[in-house]
Amino acid sequence: MTTHRERYACACSADFASPGAAEHYPPDLRLEPIHVDVSLRLDLDAESAEGVVTTRVRAHAEGARSVRLDAVGFCITAGILTEAAYPELIDRVLQIGATAHAHKVNASVISRILTFLGTAVDHAEIGATTSDVLDAAVIQALRLRYTYAMAPGATIEAVFPVWALEIFRSDLSRRTGIDLLAITQADVERYFSVRGISVQWVYDWQNFVTGTTGAWTSYPDVLQFAMYPAGSFVKLTTNVINLSSIYDSVNTKTNTFTAAFFEEGLAVANTGASGVLVSVDVSKLYGQTGANNLGPATP
């Protein structure tokens, strides 16, 4: 039951348990220019000029930030007679409950990351959906690499809803003159990886439901995805309490018992760079390609 969770799990880059960790992490640094030297050499004979600009900066700590974990609980009460007659039913309910709880936690983690990212950037589409999404991802990846002076090949994480994979397949399958009817997940991820972008496909965000699909008649018209440098966000967890098969005086009066109860701490820390939320119109799944213009560009 948890296979899809393992493959399409959480939008975090990493996670760790921190029962004994200090409740703060290193502060952000703000760089402030303090002096600029400009050196200019002119050669009138050669009609040339050379210039050198040297900037000195000072780093200021913006102050330590603390992160407190929120408590997330889970409890299932079952009948004693049901457990005696149908133990496999109780096990089934516990499995379903645990899966639902995992989705709830995943949705919370994604929501916390989106809060850090803020308002979405609306991409200027040209018309070919696959190319539009790739362009949007590349532009924002370049933006992040320039903003944080990252290496050109530094990995940028991109988080998509699971259904977005089918958007690429649908669009590419309509390309003329080429067989793209069997596009695999690896193919789509390769389109991003060659651009230095690592893709995650997640549930519990922009869910594929009646309201977004016109009563199951089409794909959603708008796709949003999140991008950030690898390691920007860390999921913090700690186990608070974990109990099962608890028979107490209150429940036994009603012939019931606590089949499972646990509570865990949860938070998301922005331990590095921030990121960006991107919005792209994906309503035109026509397999559109560029014009076959073999002559000079029309002014």
Protein backbone atom coordinates (compact mmCIF):
# COMPACT_ATOMS: atom_id res chain seq x y z
CA MET A 1 0.00 0.00 0.00
CA THR A 2 2.88 2.39 0.55
CA THR A 3 4.73 1.77 -2.69
CA HIS A 4 3.44 4.94 -4.34
CA ARG A 5 4.40 6.93 -1.23
CA GLU A 6 7.94 5.69 -1.44
CA ARG A 7 8.25 6.71 -5.10
CA TYR A 8 6.20 9.91 -4.93
CA ALA A 9 6.71 10.97 -1.39
CA CYS A 10 7.68 14.31 0.05
CA ALA A 11 8.80 17.57 -1.44
CA CYS A 12 11.71 17.97 0.97
CA SER A 13 15.31 17.53 -0.07
CA ALA A 14 16.22 15.80 3.18
CA ASP A 15 14.91 14.99 6.61
CA PHE A 16 16.31 14.12 10.00
CA ALA A 17 15.07 13.37 13.50
CA SER A 18 16.20 15.85 16.11
CA PRO A 19 15.17 14.74 19.64
CA GLY A 20 18.31 16.16 21.21
CA ALA A 21 19.21 18.88 18.73
CA ALA A 22 19.43 22.53 19.68
CA GLU A 23 16.36 24.51 18.63
CA HIS A 24 18.23 26.82 16.28
CA TYR A 25 20.37 26.62 13.17
CA PRO A 26 22.94 28.93 11.53
CA PRO A 27 21.65 32.41 10.63
CA ASP A 28 21.41 33.83 7.15
CA LEU A 29 24.22 36.12 6.03
CA ARG A 30 23.51 39.47 4.39
CA LEU A 31 26.29 40.81 2.14
CA GLU A 32 26.79 44.58 2.22
CA PRO A 33 29.18 46.37 -0.20
CA ILE A 34 31.53 48.61 1.81
CA HIS A 35 34.01 49.84 -0.81
CA VAL A 36 34.31 49.89 -4.59
CA ASP A 37 37.63 50.55 -6.39
CA VAL A 38 37.53 51.50 -10.06
CA SER A 39 40.73 51.43 -12.13
CA LEU A 40 40.60 52.71 -15.70
CA ARG A 41 43.47 52.69 -18.24
CA LEU A 42 43.18 54.59 -21.53
CA ASP A 43 45.44 54.12 -24.54
CA LEU A 44 44.73 57.01 -26.90
CA ASP A 45 47.11 55.77 -29.56
CA ALA A 46 45.53 52.34 -29.69
CA GLU A 47 42.08 53.82 -29.06
CA SER A 48 41.41 51.26 -26.35
CA ALA A 49 40.36 51.25 -22.72
CA GLU A 50 40.72 48.72 -19.91
CA GLY A 51 38.82 48.85 -16.64
CA VAL A 52 38.87 46.87 -13.40
CA VAL A 53 36.24 47.15 -10.69
CA THR A 54 36.96 45.65 -7.26
CA THR A 55 34.14 45.38 -4.73
CA ARG A 56 34.67 44.58 -1.06
CA VAL A 57 31.74 43.26 0.92
CA ARG A 58 31.02 42.58 4.57
CA ALA A 59 28.81 39.75 5.78
CA HIS A 60 26.27 40.48 8.51
CA ALA A 61 24.48 37.77 10.42
CA GLU A 62 20.78 38.54 10.31
CA GLY A 63 20.23 36.77 13.60
CA ALA A 64 19.66 33.18 14.65
CA ARG A 65 16.23 31.72 13.96
CA SER A 66 14.49 29.05 15.95
CA VAL A 67 12.18 26.35 14.64
CA ARG A 68 9.61 24.70 16.87
CA LEU A 69 8.01 21.43 15.90
CA ASP A 70 4.22 21.11 15.73
CA ALA A 71 2.54 18.04 17.21
CA VAL A 72 0.78 15.74 14.73
CA GLY A 73 -1.35 12.99 16.23
CA PHE A 74 -3.04 9.76 15.10
CA CYS A 75 -5.53 7.58 16.99
CA ILE A 76 -7.81 4.68 16.03
CA THR A 77 -10.26 3.07 18.45
CA ALA A 78 -11.70 -0.36 17.65
CA GLY A 79 -14.20 -2.80 19.11
CA ILE A 80 -12.94 -5.62 21.29
CA LEU A 81 -15.39 -8.08 19.75
CA THR A 82 -14.40 -6.95 16.25
CA GLU A 83 -10.77 -7.63 17.08
CA ALA A 84 -11.69 -11.11 18.31
CA ALA A 85 -13.82 -12.01 15.29
CA TYR A 86 -12.13 -10.10 12.44
CA PRO A 87 -8.52 -9.18 13.35
CA GLU A 88 -7.65 -8.85 9.68
CA LEU A 89 -10.27 -6.07 9.37
CA ILE A 90 -8.61 -4.12 12.19
CA ASP A 91 -5.22 -4.55 10.48
CA ARG A 92 -6.70 -3.30 7.22
CA VAL A 93 -8.15 -0.21 8.88
CA LEU A 94 -4.84 0.51 10.59
CA GLN A 95 -3.02 0.31 7.26
CA ILE A 96 -5.52 2.66 5.61
CA GLY A 97 -5.30 5.03 8.56
CA ALA A 98 -1.51 5.08 8.49
CA THR A 99 -1.54 5.83 4.76
CA ALA A 100 -4.06 8.66 5.22
CA HIS A 101 -1.92 10.08 8.02
CA ALA A 102 1.17 9.97 5.78
CA HIS A 103 -0.69 11.94 3.10
CA LYS A 104 -1.78 14.47 5.72
CA VAL A 105 1.81 14.96 6.85
CA ASN A 106 3.05 15.19 3.26
CA ALA A 107 0.45 17.85 2.44
CA SER A 108 1.55 19.82 5.52
CA VAL A 109 5.21 19.63 4.53
CA ILE A 110 4.48 20.85 0.99
CA SER A 111 2.26 23.65 2.30
CA ARG A 112 5.05 24.84 4.62
CA ILE A 113 7.54 24.93 1.74
CA LEU A 114 5.08 26.88 -0.43
CA THR A 115 4.71 29.43 2.37
CA PHE A 116 8.45 30.06 2.17
CA LEU A 117 8.27 30.45 -1.63
CA GLY A 118 5.44 33.00 -1.71
CA THR A 119 3.52 34.19 -4.79
CA ALA A 120 3.92 32.22 -8.02
CA VAL A 121 5.74 33.61 -11.06
CA ASP A 122 3.42 33.50 -14.08
CA HIS A 123 5.47 32.26 -17.06
CA ALA A 124 5.03 33.91 -20.47
CA GLU A 125 3.98 31.00 -22.67
CA ILE A 126 4.80 30.71 -26.38
CA GLY A 127 2.43 27.86 -27.13
CA ALA A 128 4.10 24.45 -27.12
CA THR A 129 3.20 23.09 -23.68
CA THR A 130 6.19 20.79 -23.16
CA SER A 131 8.61 23.48 -24.34
CA ASP A 132 6.82 26.13 -22.26
CA VAL A 133 7.22 24.11 -19.06
CA LEU A 134 10.86 23.33 -19.84
CA ASP A 135 11.53 26.99 -20.64
CA ALA A 136 9.88 28.10 -17.40
CA ALA A 137 11.95 25.61 -15.41
CA VAL A 138 15.22 26.59 -17.10
CA ILE A 139 14.61 30.33 -16.67
CA GLN A 140 13.96 29.93 -12.97
CA ALA A 141 16.90 27.53 -12.56
CA LEU A 142 19.14 30.19 -14.15
CA ARG A 143 17.61 32.78 -11.86
CA LEU A 144 18.43 30.73 -8.77
CA ARG A 145 21.97 29.94 -9.93
CA TYR A 146 22.65 33.61 -10.64
CA THR A 147 21.04 34.74 -7.39
CA TYR A 148 23.14 32.43 -5.24
CA ALA A 149 26.28 32.42 -7.43
CA MET A 150 25.97 28.67 -7.93
CA ALA A 151 27.99 26.57 -10.34
CA PRO A 152 26.39 26.35 -13.82
CA GLY A 153 25.72 22.65 -13.34
CA ALA A 154 24.46 22.87 -9.73
CA THR A 155 21.31 20.81 -9.20
CA ILE A 156 18.00 22.61 -8.79
CA GLU A 157 15.09 20.63 -7.36
CA ALA A 158 11.71 20.85 -9.11
CA VAL A 159 8.56 19.54 -7.44
CA PHE A 160 5.56 18.66 -9.65
CA PRO A 161 2.16 17.11 -8.89
CA VAL A 162 2.02 13.49 -10.04
CA TRP A 163 -0.45 14.18 -12.84
CA ALA A 164 1.97 16.61 -14.53
CA LEU A 165 3.83 13.62 -15.97
CA GLU A 166 0.79 12.88 -18.14
CA ILE A 167 0.77 16.46 -19.44
CA PHE A 168 4.09 15.85 -21.16
CA ARG A 169 2.95 12.51 -22.58
CA SER A 170 -0.28 14.00 -23.89
CA ASP A 171 1.43 16.96 -25.56
CA LEU A 172 4.32 15.00 -27.09
CA SER A 173 2.04 12.22 -28.37
CA ARG A 174 0.49 14.76 -30.77
CA ARG A 175 3.76 15.79 -32.40
CA THR A 176 3.61 15.34 -36.17
CA GLY A 177 5.98 13.04 -38.02
CA ILE A 178 7.55 11.36 -35.00
CA ASP A 179 6.45 8.47 -32.78
CA LEU A 180 6.26 9.76 -29.21
CA LEU A 181 3.37 7.58 -28.03
CA ALA A 182 5.46 5.63 -25.53
CA ILE A 183 7.17 8.39 -23.54
CA THR A 184 8.40 6.99 -20.23
CA GLN A 185 8.86 8.70 -16.90
CA ALA A 186 12.62 8.36 -17.42
CA ASP A 187 12.31 10.20 -20.75
CA VAL A 188 10.55 13.16 -19.15
CA GLU A 189 12.98 13.29 -16.24
CA ARG A 190 15.88 13.20 -18.73
CA TYR A 191 14.53 16.37 -20.38
CA PHE A 192 15.01 18.08 -17.03
CA SER A 193 18.20 16.36 -15.88
CA VAL A 194 20.17 17.50 -18.94
CA ARG A 195 19.24 21.02 -17.84
CA GLY A 196 20.53 20.44 -14.30
CA ILE A 197 17.07 20.01 -12.78
CA SER A 198 16.04 17.06 -10.58
CA VAL A 199 12.30 16.35 -10.70
CA GLN A 200 10.09 15.01 -7.90
CA TRP A 201 6.49 13.90 -8.50
CA VAL A 202 4.30 14.32 -5.41
CA TYR A 203 0.77 13.64 -4.22
CA ASP A 204 -1.24 15.94 -1.91
CA TRP A 205 -0.73 19.11 -3.95
CA GLN A 206 -2.92 20.37 -6.83
CA ASN A 207 -4.80 17.11 -6.56
CA PHE A 208 -6.37 15.63 -9.68
CA VAL A 209 -10.02 15.96 -8.70
CA THR A 210 -13.37 16.80 -10.27
CA GLY A 211 -13.03 20.53 -9.70
CA THR A 212 -9.76 20.81 -11.62
CA THR A 213 -10.60 18.46 -14.48
CA GLY A 214 -14.06 19.58 -15.57
CA ALA A 215 -15.73 16.51 -14.05
CA TRP A 216 -13.03 14.16 -15.35
CA THR A 217 -13.12 15.43 -18.94
CA SER A 218 -9.74 17.16 -19.28
CA TYR A 219 -6.44 17.94 -17.61
CA PRO A 220 -6.16 21.02 -15.40
CA ASP A 221 -5.49 24.21 -17.38
CA VAL A 222 -2.76 25.51 -15.07
CA LEU A 223 0.28 23.73 -13.69
CA GLN A 224 2.32 25.00 -10.77
CA PHE A 225 5.67 23.64 -9.67
CA ALA A 226 8.19 24.60 -7.01
CA MET A 227 11.92 25.02 -7.56
CA TYR A 228 14.79 25.50 -5.11
CA PRO A 229 18.49 24.63 -4.81
CA ALA A 230 19.05 21.11 -3.47
CA GLY A 231 19.10 21.08 0.33
CA SER A 232 17.19 24.34 0.80
CA PHE A 233 14.47 22.76 2.92
CA VAL A 234 14.78 20.12 5.62
CA LYS A 235 11.93 18.18 7.18
CA LEU A 236 12.30 18.00 10.97
CA THR A 237 10.68 15.10 12.79
CA THR A 238 10.81 13.53 16.20
CA ASN A 239 8.88 10.64 17.73
CA VAL A 240 6.88 11.78 20.78
CA ILE A 241 4.86 8.70 21.72
CA ASN A 242 3.85 5.44 20.02
CA LEU A 243 1.32 3.07 21.60
CA SER A 244 -0.84 0.18 20.41
CA SER A 245 -3.46 -2.22 21.84
CA ILE A 246 -4.27 -0.08 24.87
CA TYR A 247 -7.09 -1.37 27.10
CA ASP A 248 -8.14 1.19 29.70
CA SER A 249 -11.05 1.51 32.12
CA VAL A 250 -12.81 4.19 30.08
CA ASN A 251 -12.85 2.30 26.77
CA THR A 252 -13.59 -1.12 28.22
CA LYS A 253 -16.91 0.21 29.55
CA THR A 254 -17.97 0.57 25.92
CA ASN A 255 -16.25 -2.67 24.85
CA THR A 256 -13.61 -0.80 22.85
CA PHE A 257 -9.83 -0.33 22.98
CA THR A 258 -7.20 1.96 21.46
CA ALA A 259 -5.79 0.03 18.51
CA ALA A 260 -3.14 2.64 17.72
CA PHE A 261 -2.04 5.99 19.06
CA PHE A 262 1.03 7.99 18.22
CA GLU A 263 2.18 11.57 18.14
CA GLU A 264 5.15 13.07 16.33
CA GLY A 265 6.77 16.47 16.00
CA LEU A 266 6.87 18.06 12.56
CA ALA A 267 8.42 21.20 11.07
CA VAL A 268 10.18 22.38 7.92
CA ALA A 269 13.36 24.44 8.17
CA ASN A 270 14.65 26.69 5.41
CA THR A 271 18.32 26.01 6.10
CA GLY A 272 19.77 27.44 2.91
CA ALA A 273 18.65 29.35 -0.15
CA SER A 274 15.02 30.02 -0.92
CA GLY A 275 13.24 29.13 -4.15
CA VAL A 276 10.43 30.05 -6.48
CA LEU A 277 6.91 28.89 -7.30
CA VAL A 278 6.16 28.81 -11.05
CA SER A 279 2.80 28.84 -12.85
CA VAL A 280 2.37 27.73 -16.49
CA ASP A 281 -0.71 27.52 -18.73
CA VAL A 282 -0.86 23.90 -19.94
CA SER A 283 -4.28 23.99 -21.61
CA LYS A 284 -2.96 23.74 -25.18
CA LEU A 285 -1.95 20.10 -25.54
CA TYR A 286 -1.66 20.21 -29.32
CA GLY A 287 1.84 18.85 -29.82
CA GLN A 288 2.70 22.23 -31.30
CA THR A 289 6.12 22.78 -32.86
CA GLY A 290 7.92 25.81 -34.22
CA ALA A 291 7.18 27.10 -37.73
CA ASN A 292 9.17 25.57 -40.62
CA ASN A 293 10.72 28.88 -41.59
CA LEU A 294 13.82 28.23 -43.72
CA GLY A 295 14.34 31.84 -44.78
CA PRO A 296 15.53 34.90 -42.88
CA ALA A 297 13.48 36.09 -39.95
CA THR A 298 10.62 38.41 -40.86
CA PRO A 299 11.24 41.88 -39.42
